Amino acid sequence: LSDVVDEDLLMQELRAKLLAMEEDMYVFSGVSEEISFSDLNNFFIDGNNLVLIFSKYEIAPGAVGIVSIKFDISAVEPR
């Protein structure tokens, strides 16, 4: 992942998305502050998008299932 994206940019974007999801009670409270770049092990690139995949229970209650979060890769690639 570090070969494809800027770690700081991705984490900034990810934390913003997770914080919005926390406010909607979609993910566990505080997950946006607890997650680190080394936690991002499951991902794929789909066209111009980077998609992060989180397993059931990893960042949200089991009823939510698998969580995927999509980013425009141009917003998080190294400059």
N, C-alpha and C. Protein backbone atom coordinates (compact mmCIF):
# COMPACT_ATOMS: atom_id res chain seq x y z
N LEU A 1 0.83 -1.20 0.00
CA LEU A 1 0.00 0.00 0.00
C LEU A 1 0.87 1.26 0.00
N SER A 2 1.97 1.21 0.74
CA SER A 2 2.83 2.39 0.83
C SER A 2 3.50 2.70 -0.51
N ASP A 3 3.52 1.74 -1.45
CA ASP A 3 4.06 2.00 -2.78
C ASP A 3 3.08 2.77 -3.65
N VAL A 4 1.82 2.78 -3.27
CA VAL A 4 0.76 3.36 -4.10
C VAL A 4 0.25 4.69 -3.56
N VAL A 5 0.27 4.86 -2.24
CA VAL A 5 -0.34 6.05 -1.64
C VAL A 5 0.63 6.76 -0.70
N ASP A 6 0.32 8.01 -0.41
CA ASP A 6 1.01 8.78 0.61
C ASP A 6 0.34 8.43 1.94
N GLU A 7 1.10 7.87 2.85
CA GLU A 7 0.54 7.39 4.12
C GLU A 7 -0.21 8.49 4.86
N ASP A 8 0.38 9.67 4.96
CA ASP A 8 -0.26 10.76 5.71
C ASP A 8 -1.55 11.22 5.04
N LEU A 9 -1.54 11.35 3.71
CA LEU A 9 -2.76 11.76 3.00
C LEU A 9 -3.87 10.74 3.17
N LEU A 10 -3.53 9.46 3.03
CA LEU A 10 -4.55 8.41 3.17
C LEU A 10 -5.13 8.41 4.57
N MET A 11 -4.28 8.49 5.57
CA MET A 11 -4.77 8.46 6.95
C MET A 11 -5.64 9.67 7.25
N GLN A 12 -5.29 10.82 6.71
CA GLN A 12 -6.11 12.03 6.89
C GLN A 12 -7.50 11.83 6.27
N GLU A 13 -7.52 11.32 5.05
CA GLU A 13 -8.80 11.07 4.37
C GLU A 13 -9.60 9.98 5.09
N LEU A 14 -8.92 8.92 5.50
CA LEU A 14 -9.60 7.82 6.18
C LEU A 14 -10.20 8.27 7.50
N ARG A 15 -9.45 9.01 8.27
CA ARG A 15 -9.96 9.49 9.56
C ARG A 15 -11.19 10.38 9.38
N ALA A 16 -11.17 11.22 8.35
CA ALA A 16 -12.33 12.08 8.08
C ALA A 16 -13.56 11.23 7.74
N LYS A 17 -13.37 10.21 6.91
CA LYS A 17 -14.51 9.36 6.55
C LYS A 17 -15.00 8.56 7.74
N LEU A 18 -14.07 8.03 8.54
CA LEU A 18 -14.48 7.26 9.72
C LEU A 18 -15.17 8.13 10.75
N LEU A 19 -14.71 9.36 10.90
CA LEU A 19 -15.35 10.26 11.85
C LEU A 19 -16.79 10.53 11.44
N ALA A 20 -17.03 10.74 10.16
CA ALA A 20 -18.39 10.94 9.66
C ALA A 20 -19.24 9.68 9.89
N MET A 21 -18.64 8.52 9.71
CA MET A 21 -19.35 7.27 9.94
C MET A 21 -19.64 7.07 11.43
N GLU A 22 -18.73 7.52 12.29
CA GLU A 22 -18.95 7.43 13.74
C GLU A 22 -20.14 8.29 14.13
N GLU A 23 -20.23 9.49 13.56
CA GLU A 23 -21.34 10.39 13.88
C GLU A 23 -22.67 9.78 13.49
N ASP A 24 -22.67 8.98 12.43
CA ASP A 24 -23.90 8.30 11.99
C ASP A 24 -24.09 6.98 12.72
N MET A 25 -23.19 6.67 13.68
CA MET A 25 -23.23 5.44 14.48
C MET A 25 -23.11 4.20 13.60
N TYR A 26 -22.33 4.31 12.54
CA TYR A 26 -22.15 3.21 11.60
C TYR A 26 -20.94 2.35 11.99
N VAL A 27 -19.93 2.98 12.63
CA VAL A 27 -18.74 2.27 13.08
C VAL A 27 -18.56 2.51 14.58
N PHE A 28 -17.67 1.74 15.19
CA PHE A 28 -17.42 1.89 16.62
C PHE A 28 -16.93 3.29 16.95
N SER A 29 -17.37 3.82 18.06
CA SER A 29 -16.93 5.12 18.53
C SER A 29 -15.43 5.09 18.81
N GLY A 30 -14.72 6.10 18.35
CA GLY A 30 -13.28 6.22 18.58
C GLY A 30 -12.41 5.50 17.57
N VAL A 31 -12.99 4.76 16.64
CA VAL A 31 -12.19 4.00 15.68
C VAL A 31 -11.35 4.92 14.80
N SER A 32 -11.81 6.11 14.52
CA SER A 32 -11.05 7.03 13.66
C SER A 32 -9.72 7.43 14.30
N GLU A 33 -9.66 7.45 15.62
CA GLU A 33 -8.43 7.80 16.32
C GLU A 33 -7.54 6.58 16.58
N GLU A 34 -8.11 5.40 16.62
CA GLU A 34 -7.37 4.20 16.97
C GLU A 34 -6.71 3.51 15.78
N ILE A 35 -7.23 3.72 14.59
CA ILE A 35 -6.73 3.01 13.43
C ILE A 35 -5.38 3.58 12.98
N SER A 36 -4.50 2.70 12.51
CA SER A 36 -3.20 3.15 12.02
C SER A 36 -2.96 2.59 10.63
N PHE A 37 -1.97 3.13 9.96
CA PHE A 37 -1.65 2.70 8.59
C PHE A 37 -1.34 1.21 8.55
N SER A 38 -0.69 0.69 9.57
CA SER A 38 -0.33 -0.73 9.59
C SER A 38 -1.56 -1.64 9.70
N ASP A 39 -2.71 -1.08 10.07
CA ASP A 39 -3.96 -1.85 10.14
C ASP A 39 -4.58 -2.07 8.77
N LEU A 40 -4.11 -1.35 7.77
CA LEU A 40 -4.72 -1.37 6.44
C LEU A 40 -4.10 -2.47 5.59
N ASN A 41 -4.56 -3.68 5.78
CA ASN A 41 -3.98 -4.84 5.09
C ASN A 41 -4.79 -5.32 3.90
N ASN A 42 -6.08 -5.02 3.88
CA ASN A 42 -6.95 -5.51 2.82
C ASN A 42 -7.41 -4.34 1.95
N PHE A 43 -6.99 -4.35 0.71
CA PHE A 43 -7.35 -3.28 -0.21
C PHE A 43 -7.25 -3.78 -1.64
N PHE A 44 -7.87 -3.02 -2.54
CA PHE A 44 -7.70 -3.27 -3.96
C PHE A 44 -7.89 -1.96 -4.70
N ILE A 45 -7.40 -1.94 -5.93
CA ILE A 45 -7.55 -0.76 -6.77
C ILE A 45 -8.56 -1.11 -7.84
N ASP A 46 -9.56 -0.24 -7.97
CA ASP A 46 -10.64 -0.43 -8.92
C ASP A 46 -10.70 0.82 -9.81
N GLY A 47 -10.07 0.75 -10.95
CA GLY A 47 -10.02 1.92 -11.83
C GLY A 47 -9.23 3.04 -11.17
N ASN A 48 -9.87 4.16 -10.91
CA ASN A 48 -9.23 5.31 -10.26
C ASN A 48 -9.49 5.33 -8.76
N ASN A 49 -9.95 4.24 -8.20
CA ASN A 49 -10.30 4.20 -6.78
C ASN A 49 -9.45 3.19 -6.01
N LEU A 50 -9.11 3.58 -4.81
CA LEU A 50 -8.51 2.68 -3.84
C LEU A 50 -9.63 2.28 -2.90
N VAL A 51 -9.82 1.00 -2.68
CA VAL A 51 -10.88 0.52 -1.82
C VAL A 51 -10.25 -0.25 -0.65
N LEU A 52 -10.50 0.24 0.56
CA LEU A 52 -10.05 -0.44 1.77
C LEU A 52 -11.17 -1.34 2.27
N ILE A 53 -10.82 -2.54 2.69
CA ILE A 53 -11.79 -3.51 3.17
C ILE A 53 -11.49 -3.81 4.64
N PHE A 54 -12.52 -3.76 5.47
CA PHE A 54 -12.40 -4.08 6.89
C PHE A 54 -13.31 -5.27 7.18
N SER A 55 -12.76 -6.25 7.86
CA SER A 55 -13.50 -7.47 8.19
C SER A 55 -14.65 -7.18 9.15
N LYS A 56 -15.58 -8.11 9.18
CA LYS A 56 -16.69 -8.05 10.13
C LYS A 56 -16.12 -7.91 11.54
N TYR A 57 -16.67 -7.03 12.33
CA TYR A 57 -16.27 -6.72 13.71
C TYR A 57 -14.99 -5.88 13.83
N GLU A 58 -14.26 -5.65 12.76
CA GLU A 58 -13.00 -4.92 12.84
C GLU A 58 -13.19 -3.45 13.22
N ILE A 59 -14.14 -2.78 12.57
CA ILE A 59 -14.37 -1.37 12.88
C ILE A 59 -15.84 -1.06 13.15
N ALA A 60 -16.68 -2.07 13.01
CA ALA A 60 -18.13 -1.87 13.16
C ALA A 60 -18.78 -3.11 13.76
N PRO A 61 -19.99 -2.95 14.30
CA PRO A 61 -20.71 -4.12 14.82
C PRO A 61 -20.91 -5.18 13.74
N GLY A 62 -21.03 -6.42 14.17
CA GLY A 62 -21.19 -7.52 13.24
C GLY A 62 -22.36 -7.38 12.29
N ALA A 63 -23.43 -6.74 12.73
CA ALA A 63 -24.61 -6.57 11.88
C ALA A 63 -24.31 -5.76 10.63
N VAL A 64 -23.27 -4.93 10.69
CA VAL A 64 -22.88 -4.11 9.54
C VAL A 64 -22.21 -4.98 8.49
N GLY A 65 -21.53 -6.05 8.93
CA GLY A 65 -20.82 -6.94 8.00
C GLY A 65 -19.48 -6.37 7.60
N ILE A 66 -19.03 -6.72 6.42
CA ILE A 66 -17.76 -6.24 5.89
C ILE A 66 -17.95 -4.79 5.46
N VAL A 67 -16.98 -3.94 5.84
CA VAL A 67 -17.06 -2.51 5.52
C VAL A 67 -16.01 -2.20 4.46
N SER A 68 -16.42 -1.51 3.39
CA SER A 68 -15.46 -1.04 2.38
C SER A 68 -15.56 0.47 2.31
N ILE A 69 -14.39 1.10 2.18
CA ILE A 69 -14.32 2.55 2.08
C ILE A 69 -13.51 2.89 0.84
N LYS A 70 -14.09 3.72 -0.02
CA LYS A 70 -13.51 4.04 -1.32
C LYS A 70 -12.91 5.44 -1.32
N PHE A 71 -11.74 5.57 -1.98
CA PHE A 71 -11.05 6.84 -2.13
C PHE A 71 -10.67 7.05 -3.58
N ASP A 72 -10.74 8.27 -4.06
CA ASP A 72 -10.18 8.62 -5.35
C ASP A 72 -8.67 8.52 -5.19
N ILE A 73 -8.04 7.66 -5.95
CA ILE A 73 -6.61 7.41 -5.74
C ILE A 73 -5.77 8.66 -5.99
N SER A 74 -6.23 9.56 -6.84
CA SER A 74 -5.45 10.77 -7.10
C SER A 74 -5.39 11.68 -5.87
N ALA A 75 -6.33 11.53 -4.93
CA ALA A 75 -6.36 12.34 -3.71
C ALA A 75 -5.39 11.82 -2.66
N VAL A 76 -4.91 10.59 -2.81
CA VAL A 76 -4.04 10.01 -1.78
C VAL A 76 -2.71 9.49 -2.32
N GLU A 77 -2.43 9.72 -3.61
CA GLU A 77 -1.16 9.24 -4.14
C GLU A 77 -0.03 10.20 -3.79
N PRO A 78 1.21 9.70 -3.78
CA PRO A 78 2.35 10.57 -3.44
C PRO A 78 2.45 11.77 -4.38
N ARG A 79 2.91 12.87 -3.85
CA ARG A 79 3.03 14.09 -4.67
C ARG A 79 4.44 14.30 -5.11
